[in-house]
Amino acid sequence: MRNAARSIVCFISVFLAAHSAAQVHQVPANALMDAFAQKEEVTILITDSGLGGVAVCADIEERLHRDHPFRSVKLVFCNALPESDYGYNMMGSAEEKIRTFSLALSGMTKWYSPDIILIACNTLSVLYEQTDYSRTAAVPVVSIVDIGVRMMADALNKEPASSVIIFGTETTIEANSHKALLMKNGIAGDRIVTQSCPDLAGEIQSDAGSDAVESMIEFDAGDAVEKLGTHGGTVYAGLCCTHFGYAAEKFFGAVSRLSKRTTVVIDPTRSMGGVVFHQGSSNRFAATALSVHAASRAVITPQEALSIAALIEGRSEPTANALRKYEMKKDLFEFERVR
């Protein structure tokens, strides 16, 4: 019975993600996005403050073997982390985070000349609009926050008695962008719980299947469930960090067990890649020539690369191989640590 219930919940989650993705594709509908859709050869750059966004790269690569909207595609994953021991959540001020990410985007644009940039990171997405880069961007830049908010809003509007728990990093939760945007979409604040998960992304990157990851999720889910209100409907677990999708089953298990309520996981990471596929573009060409490249200014340890590669190689072997053989590129972007 428990397995059957899990299957139903997982099916609902996948269906919801697919349904929402179809609507989310309209978010960046502007002149830049229209121009991108008309190109025959494109470079798609995916960036994250770690390796969570590799899953978006894998999803796009997998789908390009079925749909052929472009003659050729260069997929580039760039880690926006400046140094392996100094992430965005460790920086002392919002100004430092914004400046660093702006420099990262400028460097990536200089080296790879992307036709579109996907910010597959909630931490970085909440910083983007404040960057200097955003004021002069000449290509469409898509934020995963917009996608996640649309998915959660769609779900909550369909079931008025439901609630959502937004799980994220410290920077994401402190920014409060998801909750503010949900409330702007008419969702009452008492239906929204925000839960910071310190250090969880790093643990997942090192080993998503570890006991430490399970314990941390159990602890964070416990905190979140205690903050749930009296609404008795479905609890949506919004995974607002791309790393968290690698541990989606653990989040589902912890929230459903502790809340004793029907639980649905919403993982915008699995929908983000859909923004590069436009209605009517399927099989625009007979085939798509495809390459995948990964680069990082910060050192990616063999353990991290192998751990994440193992999680995505089932759906994209080229992406897994690109991560294993990533380019260590210290000049990817300028950075000087604030002392």
C-alpha atoms as a PDB file:
ATOM      1  CA  MET A   1       0.000   0.000   0.000  1.00  0.00           C
ATOM      2  CA  ARG A   2       2.825   2.376   0.877  1.00  0.00           C
ATOM      3  CA  ASN A   3       4.570   1.683  -2.441  1.00  0.00           C
ATOM      4  CA  ALA A   4       1.309   2.277  -4.286  1.00  0.00           C
ATOM      5  CA  ALA A   5       0.822   5.591  -2.490  1.00  0.00           C
ATOM      6  CA  ARG A   6       4.398   6.576  -3.318  1.00  0.00           C
ATOM      7  CA  SER A   7       3.827   5.743  -6.983  1.00  0.00           C
ATOM      8  CA  ILE A   8       0.673   7.861  -7.050  1.00  0.00           C
ATOM      9  CA  VAL A   9       2.442  10.806  -5.435  1.00  0.00           C
ATOM     10  CA  CYS A  10       5.412  10.523  -7.789  1.00  0.00           C
ATOM     11  CA  PHE A  11       3.056  10.346 -10.780  1.00  0.00           C
ATOM     12  CA  ILE A  12       1.203  13.453  -9.610  1.00  0.00           C
ATOM     13  CA  SER A  13       4.525  15.251  -9.160  1.00  0.00           C
ATOM     14  CA  VAL A  14       5.746  14.365 -12.648  1.00  0.00           C
ATOM     15  CA  PHE A  15       2.375  15.259 -14.199  1.00  0.00           C
ATOM     16  CA  LEU A  16       2.302  18.576 -12.354  1.00  0.00           C
ATOM     17  CA  ALA A  17       5.837  19.396 -13.427  1.00  0.00           C
ATOM     18  CA  ALA A  18       5.083  18.614 -17.063  1.00  0.00           C
ATOM     19  CA  HIS A  19       1.814  20.590 -16.961  1.00  0.00           C
ATOM     20  CA  SER A  20       3.452  23.583 -15.327  1.00  0.00           C
ATOM     21  CA  ALA A  21       6.453  23.452 -17.662  1.00  0.00           C
ATOM     22  CA  ALA A  22       4.170  23.916 -20.644  1.00  0.00           C
ATOM     23  CA  GLN A  23       2.972  27.181 -19.092  1.00  0.00           C
ATOM     24  CA  VAL A  24       6.378  28.239 -17.794  1.00  0.00           C
ATOM     25  CA  HIS A  25       7.742  28.253 -21.329  1.00  0.00           C
ATOM     26  CA  GLN A  26       5.776  31.474 -21.822  1.00  0.00           C
ATOM     27  CA  VAL A  27       7.650  33.337 -19.055  1.00  0.00           C
ATOM     28  CA  PRO A  28      10.560  34.718 -21.112  1.00  0.00           C
ATOM     29  CA  ALA A  29       8.429  35.402 -24.232  1.00  0.00           C
ATOM     30  CA  ASN A  30      10.116  38.531 -25.543  1.00  0.00           C
ATOM     31  CA  ALA A  31      12.147  39.673 -28.512  1.00  0.00           C
ATOM     32  CA  LEU A  32      15.352  38.034 -27.261  1.00  0.00           C
ATOM     33  CA  MET A  33      13.648  34.698 -26.736  1.00  0.00           C
ATOM     34  CA  ASP A  34      11.909  34.859 -30.112  1.00  0.00           C
ATOM     35  CA  ALA A  35      15.231  35.547 -31.800  1.00  0.00           C
ATOM     36  CA  PHE A  36      16.797  32.589 -29.999  1.00  0.00           C
ATOM     37  CA  ALA A  37      14.033  30.244 -31.177  1.00  0.00           C
ATOM     38  CA  GLN A  38      14.695  31.156 -34.816  1.00  0.00           C
ATOM     39  CA  LYS A  39      18.405  30.299 -34.757  1.00  0.00           C
ATOM     40  CA  GLU A  40      19.746  27.124 -36.341  1.00  0.00           C
ATOM     41  CA  GLU A  41      22.961  26.790 -34.336  1.00  0.00           C
ATOM     42  CA  VAL A  42      22.972  27.710 -30.644  1.00  0.00           C
ATOM     43  CA  THR A  43      25.089  27.605 -27.513  1.00  0.00           C
ATOM     44  CA  ILE A  44      23.057  26.961 -24.373  1.00  0.00           C
ATOM     45  CA  LEU A  45      24.850  27.897 -21.157  1.00  0.00           C
ATOM     46  CA  ILE A  46      23.628  26.475 -17.852  1.00  0.00           C
ATOM     47  CA  THR A  47      25.118  27.873 -14.648  1.00  0.00           C
ATOM     48  CA  ASP A  48      24.850  27.053 -10.955  1.00  0.00           C
ATOM     49  CA  SER A  49      26.762  27.785  -7.753  1.00  0.00           C
ATOM     50  CA  GLY A  50      27.719  24.107  -7.636  1.00  0.00           C
ATOM     51  CA  LEU A  51      26.753  20.974  -9.535  1.00  0.00           C
ATOM     52  CA  GLY A  52      23.011  20.809  -9.004  1.00  0.00           C
ATOM     53  CA  GLY A  53      22.312  22.427 -12.363  1.00  0.00           C
ATOM     54  CA  VAL A  54      24.106  19.611 -14.171  1.00  0.00           C
ATOM     55  CA  ALA A  55      20.713  17.865 -14.028  1.00  0.00           C
ATOM     56  CA  VAL A  56      19.255  20.592 -16.286  1.00  0.00           C
ATOM     57  CA  CYS A  57      22.048  20.032 -18.782  1.00  0.00           C
ATOM     58  CA  ALA A  58      21.331  16.295 -18.709  1.00  0.00           C
ATOM     59  CA  ASP A  59      17.612  16.811 -19.285  1.00  0.00           C
ATOM     60  CA  ILE A  60      18.215  19.068 -22.296  1.00  0.00           C
ATOM     61  CA  GLU A  61      20.754  16.660 -23.796  1.00  0.00           C
ATOM     62  CA  GLU A  62      18.388  13.734 -23.373  1.00  0.00           C
ATOM     63  CA  ARG A  63      15.479  15.557 -25.011  1.00  0.00           C
ATOM     64  CA  LEU A  64      17.570  16.796 -27.943  1.00  0.00           C
ATOM     65  CA  HIS A  65      17.863  13.191 -29.089  1.00  0.00           C
ATOM     66  CA  ARG A  66      14.075  13.112 -29.505  1.00  0.00           C
ATOM     67  CA  ASP A  67      13.289  16.676 -30.589  1.00  0.00           C
ATOM     68  CA  HIS A  68      15.445  18.547 -33.072  1.00  0.00           C
ATOM     69  CA  PRO A  69      14.655  22.267 -32.805  1.00  0.00           C
ATOM     70  CA  PHE A  70      18.186  23.279 -33.869  1.00  0.00           C
ATOM     71  CA  ARG A  71      20.702  22.054 -36.431  1.00  0.00           C
ATOM     72  CA  SER A  72      23.477  22.045 -33.831  1.00  0.00           C
ATOM     73  CA  VAL A  73      23.675  22.684 -30.094  1.00  0.00           C
ATOM     74  CA  LYS A  74      26.634  23.310 -27.815  1.00  0.00           C
ATOM     75  CA  LEU A  75      25.633  22.619 -24.222  1.00  0.00           C
ATOM     76  CA  VAL A  76      27.952  24.293 -21.731  1.00  0.00           C
ATOM     77  CA  PHE A  77      27.689  23.855 -17.975  1.00  0.00           C
ATOM     78  CA  CYS A  78      29.624  26.464 -15.981  1.00  0.00           C
ATOM     79  CA  ASN A  79      30.087  26.291 -12.248  1.00  0.00           C
ATOM     80  CA  ALA A  80      29.720  29.860 -10.943  1.00  0.00           C
ATOM     81  CA  LEU A  81      31.462  29.032  -7.672  1.00  0.00           C
ATOM     82  CA  PRO A  82      34.548  31.269  -7.407  1.00  0.00           C
ATOM     83  CA  GLU A  83      36.567  29.010  -5.102  1.00  0.00           C
ATOM     84  CA  SER A  84      35.910  25.532  -3.743  1.00  0.00           C
ATOM     85  CA  ASP A  85      36.162  26.734  -0.126  1.00  0.00           C
ATOM     86  CA  TYR A  86      34.278  29.989  -0.613  1.00  0.00           C
ATOM     87  CA  GLY A  87      30.703  29.738  -1.826  1.00  0.00           C
ATOM     88  CA  TYR A  88      28.021  32.403  -2.113  1.00  0.00           C
ATOM     89  CA  ASN A  89      26.451  31.444   1.216  1.00  0.00           C
ATOM     90  CA  MET A  90      29.814  32.130   2.886  1.00  0.00           C
ATOM     91  CA  MET A  91      30.182  35.654   1.496  1.00  0.00           C
ATOM     92  CA  GLY A  92      29.858  38.449   4.011  1.00  0.00           C
ATOM     93  CA  SER A  93      27.473  40.746   2.179  1.00  0.00           C
ATOM     94  CA  ALA A  94      24.816  40.807  -0.513  1.00  0.00           C
ATOM     95  CA  GLU A  95      26.979  43.250  -2.464  1.00  0.00           C
ATOM     96  CA  GLU A  96      29.819  40.734  -2.655  1.00  0.00           C
ATOM     97  CA  LYS A  97      27.473  37.996  -3.862  1.00  0.00           C
ATOM     98  CA  ILE A  98      25.952  40.231  -6.527  1.00  0.00           C
ATOM     99  CA  ARG A  99      29.322  41.511  -7.751  1.00  0.00           C
ATOM    100  CA  THR A 100      30.777  37.994  -7.914  1.00  0.00           C
ATOM    101  CA  PHE A 101      27.867  36.578  -9.873  1.00  0.00           C
ATOM    102  CA  SER A 102      27.911  39.517 -12.274  1.00  0.00           C
ATOM    103  CA  LEU A 103      31.606  38.914 -12.947  1.00  0.00           C
ATOM    104  CA  ALA A 104      30.905  35.209 -13.404  1.00  0.00           C
ATOM    105  CA  LEU A 105      28.235  35.871 -16.031  1.00  0.00           C
ATOM    106  CA  SER A 106      30.501  38.335 -17.852  1.00  0.00           C
ATOM    107  CA  GLY A 107      33.340  35.826 -17.926  1.00  0.00           C
ATOM    108  CA  MET A 108      31.121  32.984 -19.152  1.00  0.00           C
ATOM    109  CA  THR A 109      29.736  35.222 -21.890  1.00  0.00           C
ATOM    110  CA  LYS A 110      33.238  36.242 -22.938  1.00  0.00           C
ATOM    111  CA  TRP A 111      34.473  32.663 -23.270  1.00  0.00           C
ATOM    112  CA  TYR A 112      31.412  30.859 -24.645  1.00  0.00           C
ATOM    113  CA  SER A 113      29.219  33.491 -26.390  1.00  0.00           C
ATOM    114  CA  PRO A 114      25.952  31.828 -25.319  1.00  0.00           C
ATOM    115  CA  ASP A 115      22.685  32.354 -27.170  1.00  0.00           C
ATOM    116  CA  ILE A 116      20.736  31.762 -23.935  1.00  0.00           C
ATOM    117  CA  ILE A 117      21.670  31.478 -20.254  1.00  0.00           C
ATOM    118  CA  LEU A 118      19.772  29.282 -17.820  1.00  0.00           C
ATOM    119  CA  ILE A 119      20.392  30.168 -14.164  1.00  0.00           C
ATOM    120  CA  ALA A 120      19.782  26.706 -12.735  1.00  0.00           C
ATOM    121  CA  CYS A 121      20.309  27.905  -9.189  1.00  0.00           C
ATOM    122  CA  ASN A 122      17.859  29.524  -6.790  1.00  0.00           C
ATOM    123  CA  THR A 123      20.650  31.203  -4.816  1.00  0.00           C
ATOM    124  CA  LEU A 124      21.968  32.931  -7.935  1.00  0.00           C
ATOM    125  CA  SER A 125      18.530  33.590  -9.442  1.00  0.00           C
ATOM    126  CA  VAL A 126      17.535  35.804  -6.517  1.00  0.00           C
ATOM    127  CA  LEU A 127      20.705  37.853  -7.100  1.00  0.00           C
ATOM    128  CA  TYR A 128      20.479  38.208 -10.869  1.00  0.00           C
ATOM    129  CA  GLU A 129      18.237  41.266 -11.218  1.00  0.00           C
ATOM    130  CA  GLN A 130      20.645  43.256  -9.045  1.00  0.00           C
ATOM    131  CA  THR A 131      23.734  42.445 -11.131  1.00  0.00           C
ATOM    132  CA  ASP A 132      25.361  44.860 -13.559  1.00  0.00           C
ATOM    133  CA  TYR A 133      25.192  42.081 -16.148  1.00  0.00           C
ATOM    134  CA  SER A 134      21.380  42.048 -16.062  1.00  0.00           C
ATOM    135  CA  ARG A 135      21.241  45.672 -17.232  1.00  0.00           C
ATOM    136  CA  THR A 136      23.058  44.988 -20.494  1.00  0.00           C
ATOM    137  CA  ALA A 137      22.346  41.308 -21.203  1.00  0.00           C
ATOM    138  CA  ALA A 138      22.077  40.775 -24.945  1.00  0.00           C
ATOM    139  CA  VAL A 139      20.675  37.233 -24.716  1.00  0.00           C
ATOM    140  CA  PRO A 140      17.675  35.773 -22.865  1.00  0.00           C
ATOM    141  CA  VAL A 141      18.454  34.851 -19.250  1.00  0.00           C
ATOM    142  CA  VAL A 142      16.013  32.427 -17.608  1.00  0.00           C
ATOM    143  CA  SER A 143      15.696  32.127 -13.835  1.00  0.00           C
ATOM    144  CA  ILE A 144      14.718  28.896 -12.094  1.00  0.00           C
ATOM    145  CA  VAL A 145      12.917  30.941  -9.411  1.00  0.00           C
ATOM    146  CA  ASP A 146      10.301  32.036 -11.952  1.00  0.00           C
ATOM    147  CA  ILE A 147       9.738  28.432 -12.983  1.00  0.00           C
ATOM    148  CA  GLY A 148       9.479  27.155  -9.411  1.00  0.00           C
ATOM    149  CA  VAL A 149       7.057  29.898  -8.373  1.00  0.00           C
ATOM    150  CA  ARG A 150       4.793  29.186 -11.340  1.00  0.00           C
ATOM    151  CA  MET A 151       4.725  25.461 -10.546  1.00  0.00           C
ATOM    152  CA  MET A 152       3.960  26.038  -6.872  1.00  0.00           C
ATOM    153  CA  ALA A 153       1.318  28.688  -7.601  1.00  0.00           C
ATOM    154  CA  ASP A 154      -0.432  26.387 -10.097  1.00  0.00           C
ATOM    155  CA  ALA A 155      -0.508  23.573  -7.544  1.00  0.00           C
ATOM    156  CA  LEU A 156      -1.706  25.723  -4.646  1.00  0.00           C
ATOM    157  CA  ASN A 157      -4.433  27.389  -6.716  1.00  0.00           C
ATOM    158  CA  LYS A 158      -5.808  24.005  -7.738  1.00  0.00           C
ATOM    159  CA  GLU A 159      -6.241  22.938  -4.092  1.00  0.00           C
ATOM    160  CA  PRO A 160      -7.197  25.832  -1.755  1.00  0.00           C
ATOM    161  CA  ALA A 161      -6.658  23.760   1.414  1.00  0.00           C
ATOM    162  CA  SER A 162      -3.070  22.850   0.504  1.00  0.00           C
ATOM    163  CA  SER A 163       0.202  24.266   1.832  1.00  0.00           C
ATOM    164  CA  VAL A 164       3.742  24.475   0.525  1.00  0.00           C
ATOM    165  CA  ILE A 165       7.119  24.107   2.216  1.00  0.00           C
ATOM    166  CA  ILE A 166       9.868  25.962   0.376  1.00  0.00           C
ATOM    167  CA  PHE A 167      13.197  24.229   1.033  1.00  0.00           C
ATOM    168  CA  GLY A 168      16.284  26.236   0.064  1.00  0.00           C
ATOM    169  CA  THR A 169      19.757  27.437   0.960  1.00  0.00           C
ATOM    170  CA  GLU A 170      20.302  30.223   3.466  1.00  0.00           C
ATOM    171  CA  THR A 171      20.665  32.865   0.732  1.00  0.00           C
ATOM    172  CA  THR A 172      17.513  31.710  -1.064  1.00  0.00           C
ATOM    173  CA  ILE A 173      15.394  31.679   2.097  1.00  0.00           C
ATOM    174  CA  GLU A 174      16.773  34.996   3.380  1.00  0.00           C
ATOM    175  CA  ALA A 175      15.923  36.641   0.058  1.00  0.00           C
ATOM    176  CA  ASN A 176      12.308  35.455   0.517  1.00  0.00           C
ATOM    177  CA  SER A 177      11.683  35.811  -3.232  1.00  0.00           C
ATOM    178  CA  HIS A 178       9.621  32.641  -3.618  1.00  0.00           C
ATOM    179  CA  LYS A 179       7.213  33.528  -0.815  1.00  0.00           C
ATOM    180  CA  ALA A 180       6.875  37.145  -1.945  1.00  0.00           C
ATOM    181  CA  LEU A 181       6.128  36.083  -5.517  1.00  0.00           C
ATOM    182  CA  LEU A 182       3.637  33.435  -4.405  1.00  0.00           C
ATOM    183  CA  MET A 183       1.804  36.028  -2.307  1.00  0.00           C
ATOM    184  CA  LYS A 184       1.848  38.371  -5.298  1.00  0.00           C
ATOM    185  CA  ASN A 185       0.114  35.541  -7.162  1.00  0.00           C
ATOM    186  CA  GLY A 186      -2.652  35.501  -4.560  1.00  0.00           C
ATOM    187  CA  ILE A 187      -1.413  32.733  -2.247  1.00  0.00           C
ATOM    188  CA  ALA A 188      -2.044  33.519   1.445  1.00  0.00           C
ATOM    189  CA  GLY A 189       1.101  33.788   3.549  1.00  0.00           C
ATOM    190  CA  ASP A 190      -0.138  31.290   6.136  1.00  0.00           C
ATOM    191  CA  ARG A 191      -0.108  28.584   3.438  1.00  0.00           C
ATOM    192  CA  ILE A 192       3.617  29.092   2.825  1.00  0.00           C
ATOM    193  CA  VAL A 193       6.401  27.737   5.033  1.00  0.00           C
ATOM    194  CA  THR A 194      10.045  28.587   4.267  1.00  0.00           C
ATOM    195  CA  GLN A 195      12.805  26.307   5.505  1.00  0.00           C
ATOM    196  CA  SER A 196      16.535  26.943   5.275  1.00  0.00           C
ATOM    197  CA  CYS A 197      18.707  23.832   4.880  1.00  0.00           C
ATOM    198  CA  PRO A 198      22.256  24.880   5.849  1.00  0.00           C
ATOM    199  CA  ASP A 199      25.096  22.855   4.292  1.00  0.00           C
ATOM    200  CA  LEU A 200      22.711  20.335   2.711  1.00  0.00           C
ATOM    201  CA  ALA A 201      23.616  21.212  -0.884  1.00  0.00           C
ATOM    202  CA  GLY A 202      27.290  20.524  -0.211  1.00  0.00           C
ATOM    203  CA  GLU A 203      26.550  17.186   1.437  1.00  0.00           C
ATOM    204  CA  ILE A 204      24.366  16.131  -1.500  1.00  0.00           C
ATOM    205  CA  GLN A 205      27.097  17.149  -3.930  1.00  0.00           C
ATOM    206  CA  SER A 206      29.583  14.971  -2.065  1.00  0.00           C
ATOM    207  CA  ASP A 207      27.309  11.943  -1.709  1.00  0.00           C
ATOM    208  CA  ALA A 208      23.555  12.183  -2.226  1.00  0.00           C
ATOM    209  CA  GLY A 209      23.032   8.714  -0.787  1.00  0.00           C
ATOM    210  CA  SER A 210      24.871   9.276   2.502  1.00  0.00           C
ATOM    211  CA  ASP A 211      23.403   8.885   5.966  1.00  0.00           C
ATOM    212  CA  ALA A 212      24.359  12.516   6.634  1.00  0.00           C
ATOM    213  CA  VAL A 213      22.081  13.721   3.829  1.00  0.00           C
ATOM    214  CA  GLU A 214      19.182  11.651   5.142  1.00  0.00           C
ATOM    215  CA  SER A 215      19.677  12.940   8.698  1.00  0.00           C
ATOM    216  CA  MET A 216      19.866  16.558   7.588  1.00  0.00           C
ATOM    217  CA  ILE A 217      16.705  16.266   5.491  1.00  0.00           C
ATOM    218  CA  GLU A 218      14.908  14.593   8.387  1.00  0.00           C
ATOM    219  CA  PHE A 219      15.921  17.434  10.715  1.00  0.00           C
ATOM    220  CA  ASP A 220      14.998  20.235   8.280  1.00  0.00           C
ATOM    221  CA  ALA A 221      11.704  18.576   7.346  1.00  0.00           C
ATOM    222  CA  GLY A 222      10.877  18.242  11.040  1.00  0.00           C
ATOM    223  CA  ASP A 223      11.423  21.959  11.574  1.00  0.00           C
ATOM    224  CA  ALA A 224       9.275  22.780   8.561  1.00  0.00           C
ATOM    225  CA  VAL A 225       6.391  20.485   9.489  1.00  0.00           C
ATOM    226  CA  GLU A 226       6.209  22.106  12.932  1.00  0.00           C
ATOM    227  CA  LYS A 227       5.557  25.433  11.185  1.00  0.00           C
ATOM    228  CA  LEU A 228       2.679  24.131   9.059  1.00  0.00           C
ATOM    229  CA  GLY A 229      -0.651  25.735   9.831  1.00  0.00           C
ATOM    230  CA  THR A 230      -4.035  24.150  10.276  1.00  0.00           C
ATOM    231  CA  HIS A 231      -4.637  23.589   6.572  1.00  0.00           C
ATOM    232  CA  GLY A 232      -5.317  19.885   6.177  1.00  0.00           C
ATOM    233  CA  GLY A 233      -4.809  19.387   2.461  1.00  0.00           C
ATOM    234  CA  THR A 234      -1.815  18.328   0.434  1.00  0.00           C
ATOM    235  CA  VAL A 235       1.648  19.463   1.460  1.00  0.00           C
ATOM    236  CA  TYR A 236       3.760  20.486  -1.515  1.00  0.00           C
ATOM    237  CA  ALA A 237       7.502  20.193  -0.917  1.00  0.00           C
ATOM    238  CA  GLY A 238       9.138  22.800  -3.128  1.00  0.00           C
ATOM    239  CA  LEU A 239      12.767  21.874  -3.759  1.00  0.00           C
ATOM    240  CA  CYS A 240      14.174  25.345  -4.326  1.00  0.00           C
ATOM    241  CA  CYS A 241      17.787  24.284  -4.672  1.00  0.00           C
ATOM    242  CA  THR A 242      18.892  22.303  -7.711  1.00  0.00           C
ATOM    243  CA  HIS A 243      20.923  19.946  -5.527  1.00  0.00           C
ATOM    244  CA  PHE A 244      17.806  18.919  -3.598  1.00  0.00           C
ATOM    245  CA  GLY A 245      16.301  17.208  -6.634  1.00  0.00           C
ATOM    246  CA  TYR A 246      18.969  14.516  -6.324  1.00  0.00           C
ATOM    247  CA  ALA A 247      17.430  13.642  -2.932  1.00  0.00           C
ATOM    248  CA  ALA A 248      13.759  14.124  -3.868  1.00  0.00           C
ATOM    249  CA  GLU A 249      12.703  10.715  -2.544  1.00  0.00           C
ATOM    250  CA  LYS A 250      14.238  11.522   0.836  1.00  0.00           C
ATOM    251  CA  PHE A 251      12.335  14.810   1.025  1.00  0.00           C
ATOM    252  CA  PHE A 252       9.123  13.049   0.055  1.00  0.00           C
ATOM    253  CA  GLY A 253       9.619  10.347   2.672  1.00  0.00           C
ATOM    254  CA  ALA A 254      10.464  12.752   5.495  1.00  0.00           C
ATOM    255  CA  VAL A 255       7.666  15.273   4.834  1.00  0.00           C
ATOM    256  CA  SER A 256       4.957  12.658   4.252  1.00  0.00           C
ATOM    257  CA  ARG A 257       5.915  10.669   7.347  1.00  0.00           C
ATOM    258  CA  LEU A 258       6.263  13.643   9.685  1.00  0.00           C
ATOM    259  CA  SER A 259       3.224  15.584   8.445  1.00  0.00           C
ATOM    260  CA  LYS A 260       1.007  12.503   7.989  1.00  0.00           C
ATOM    261  CA  ARG A 261      -0.497  14.298   5.005  1.00  0.00           C
ATOM    262  CA  THR A 262      -0.536  13.659   1.286  1.00  0.00           C
ATOM    263  CA  THR A 263       2.773  14.961  -0.020  1.00  0.00           C
ATOM    264  CA  VAL A 264       3.795  16.033  -3.509  1.00  0.00           C
ATOM    265  CA  VAL A 265       7.343  17.004  -4.417  1.00  0.00           C
ATOM    266  CA  ILE A 266       7.728  19.954  -6.793  1.00  0.00           C
ATOM    267  CA  ASP A 267      11.156  19.986  -8.419  1.00  0.00           C
ATOM    268  CA  PRO A 268      11.533  22.864 -10.930  1.00  0.00           C
ATOM    269  CA  THR A 269      14.932  21.521 -11.967  1.00  0.00           C
ATOM    270  CA  ARG A 270      13.201  18.808 -14.009  1.00  0.00           C
ATOM    271  CA  SER A 271      11.123  21.403 -15.875  1.00  0.00           C
ATOM    272  CA  MET A 272      13.719  24.088 -16.534  1.00  0.00           C
ATOM    273  CA  GLY A 273      15.243  22.559 -19.643  1.00  0.00           C
ATOM    274  CA  GLY A 274      11.878  22.826 -21.368  1.00  0.00           C
ATOM    275  CA  VAL A 275      12.317  26.560 -21.921  1.00  0.00           C
ATOM    276  CA  VAL A 276      14.635  25.938 -24.879  1.00  0.00           C
ATOM    277  CA  PHE A 277      11.999  23.838 -26.681  1.00  0.00           C
ATOM    278  CA  HIS A 278       9.256  25.883 -28.291  1.00  0.00           C
ATOM    279  CA  GLN A 279       5.857  24.900 -29.538  1.00  0.00           C
ATOM    280  CA  GLY A 280       6.088  23.679 -33.117  1.00  0.00           C
ATOM    281  CA  SER A 281       9.890  23.352 -32.998  1.00  0.00           C
ATOM    282  CA  SER A 282       9.969  19.553 -32.651  1.00  0.00           C
ATOM    283  CA  ASN A 283      11.768  17.941 -35.607  1.00  0.00           C
ATOM    284  CA  ARG A 284      12.474  21.286 -37.200  1.00  0.00           C
ATOM    285  CA  PHE A 285      15.611  19.517 -38.395  1.00  0.00           C
ATOM    286  CA  ALA A 286      16.218  15.852 -39.176  1.00  0.00           C
ATOM    287  CA  ALA A 287      18.886  15.620 -36.461  1.00  0.00           C
ATOM    288  CA  THR A 288      20.801  17.795 -34.025  1.00  0.00           C
ATOM    289  CA  ALA A 289      24.594  17.778 -33.827  1.00  0.00           C
ATOM    290  CA  LEU A 290      25.368  17.968 -30.125  1.00  0.00           C
ATOM    291  CA  SER A 291      28.331  18.579 -27.850  1.00  0.00           C
ATOM    292  CA  VAL A 292      28.505  18.902 -24.046  1.00  0.00           C
ATOM    293  CA  HIS A 293      31.211  20.741 -22.121  1.00  0.00           C
ATOM    294  CA  ALA A 294      31.684  21.495 -18.415  1.00  0.00           C
ATOM    295  CA  ALA A 295      33.955  24.146 -16.902  1.00  0.00           C
ATOM    296  CA  SER A 296      34.692  25.457 -13.432  1.00  0.00           C
ATOM    297  CA  ARG A 297      36.911  28.091 -11.869  1.00  0.00           C
ATOM    298  CA  ALA A 298      36.749  26.242  -8.560  1.00  0.00           C
ATOM    299  CA  VAL A 299      38.174  22.773  -8.092  1.00  0.00           C
ATOM    300  CA  ILE A 300      35.604  20.003  -8.384  1.00  0.00           C
ATOM    301  CA  THR A 301      36.850  17.041  -6.388  1.00  0.00           C
ATOM    302  CA  PRO A 302      36.845  13.573  -7.976  1.00  0.00           C
ATOM    303  CA  GLN A 303      34.341  12.478  -5.309  1.00  0.00           C
ATOM    304  CA  GLU A 304      31.936  15.297  -6.222  1.00  0.00           C
ATOM    305  CA  ALA A 305      32.248  14.694  -9.964  1.00  0.00           C
ATOM    306  CA  LEU A 306      31.758  10.941  -9.618  1.00  0.00           C
ATOM    307  CA  SER A 307      28.854  11.347  -7.189  1.00  0.00           C
ATOM    308  CA  ILE A 308      26.828  13.686  -9.424  1.00  0.00           C
ATOM    309  CA  ALA A 309      27.830  11.896 -12.648  1.00  0.00           C
ATOM    310  CA  ALA A 310      26.500   8.628 -11.232  1.00  0.00           C
ATOM    311  CA  LEU A 311      23.133  10.273 -10.585  1.00  0.00           C
ATOM    312  CA  ILE A 312      22.659  11.602 -14.123  1.00  0.00           C
ATOM    313  CA  GLU A 313      24.450   9.127 -16.392  1.00  0.00           C
ATOM    314  CA  GLY A 314      21.297   7.020 -16.724  1.00  0.00           C
ATOM    315  CA  ARG A 315      19.613   9.788 -18.685  1.00  0.00           C
ATOM    316  CA  SER A 316      22.658  11.529 -20.183  1.00  0.00           C
ATOM    317  CA  GLU A 317      25.976   9.761 -20.523  1.00  0.00           C
ATOM    318  CA  PRO A 318      27.537  12.688 -22.464  1.00  0.00           C
ATOM    319  CA  THR A 319      26.741  15.079 -19.617  1.00  0.00           C
ATOM    320  CA  ALA A 320      28.122  12.655 -17.034  1.00  0.00           C
ATOM    321  CA  ASN A 321      31.322  12.274 -19.073  1.00  0.00           C
ATOM    322  CA  ALA A 322      31.656  16.056 -19.490  1.00  0.00           C
ATOM    323  CA  LEU A 323      31.465  16.460 -15.718  1.00  0.00           C
ATOM    324  CA  ARG A 324      34.032  13.730 -15.096  1.00  0.00           C
ATOM    325  CA  LYS A 325      36.378  15.445 -17.581  1.00  0.00           C
ATOM    326  CA  TYR A 326      35.497  19.044 -16.713  1.00  0.00           C
ATOM    327  CA  GLU A 327      37.812  21.883 -17.720  1.00  0.00           C
ATOM    328  CA  MET A 328      39.536  23.494 -14.762  1.00  0.00           C
ATOM    329  CA  LYS A 329      39.508  27.136 -15.896  1.00  0.00           C
ATOM    330  CA  LYS A 330      40.909  29.645 -13.406  1.00  0.00           C
ATOM    331  CA  ASP A 331      40.353  32.482 -15.878  1.00  0.00           C
ATOM    332  CA  LEU A 332      36.662  31.651 -16.325  1.00  0.00           C
ATOM    333  CA  PHE A 333      35.909  34.917 -14.532  1.00  0.00           C
ATOM    334  CA  GLU A 334      37.638  37.531 -12.403  1.00  0.00           C
ATOM    335  CA  PHE A 335      37.398  37.159  -8.651  1.00  0.00           C
ATOM    336  CA  GLU A 336      39.124  38.567  -5.604  1.00  0.00           C
ATOM    337  CA  ARG A 337      38.021  37.410  -2.179  1.00  0.00           C
ATOM    338  CA  VAL A 338      36.963  40.144   0.252  1.00  0.00           C
ATOM    339  CA  ARG A 339      39.142  39.840   3.334  1.00  0.00           C
END
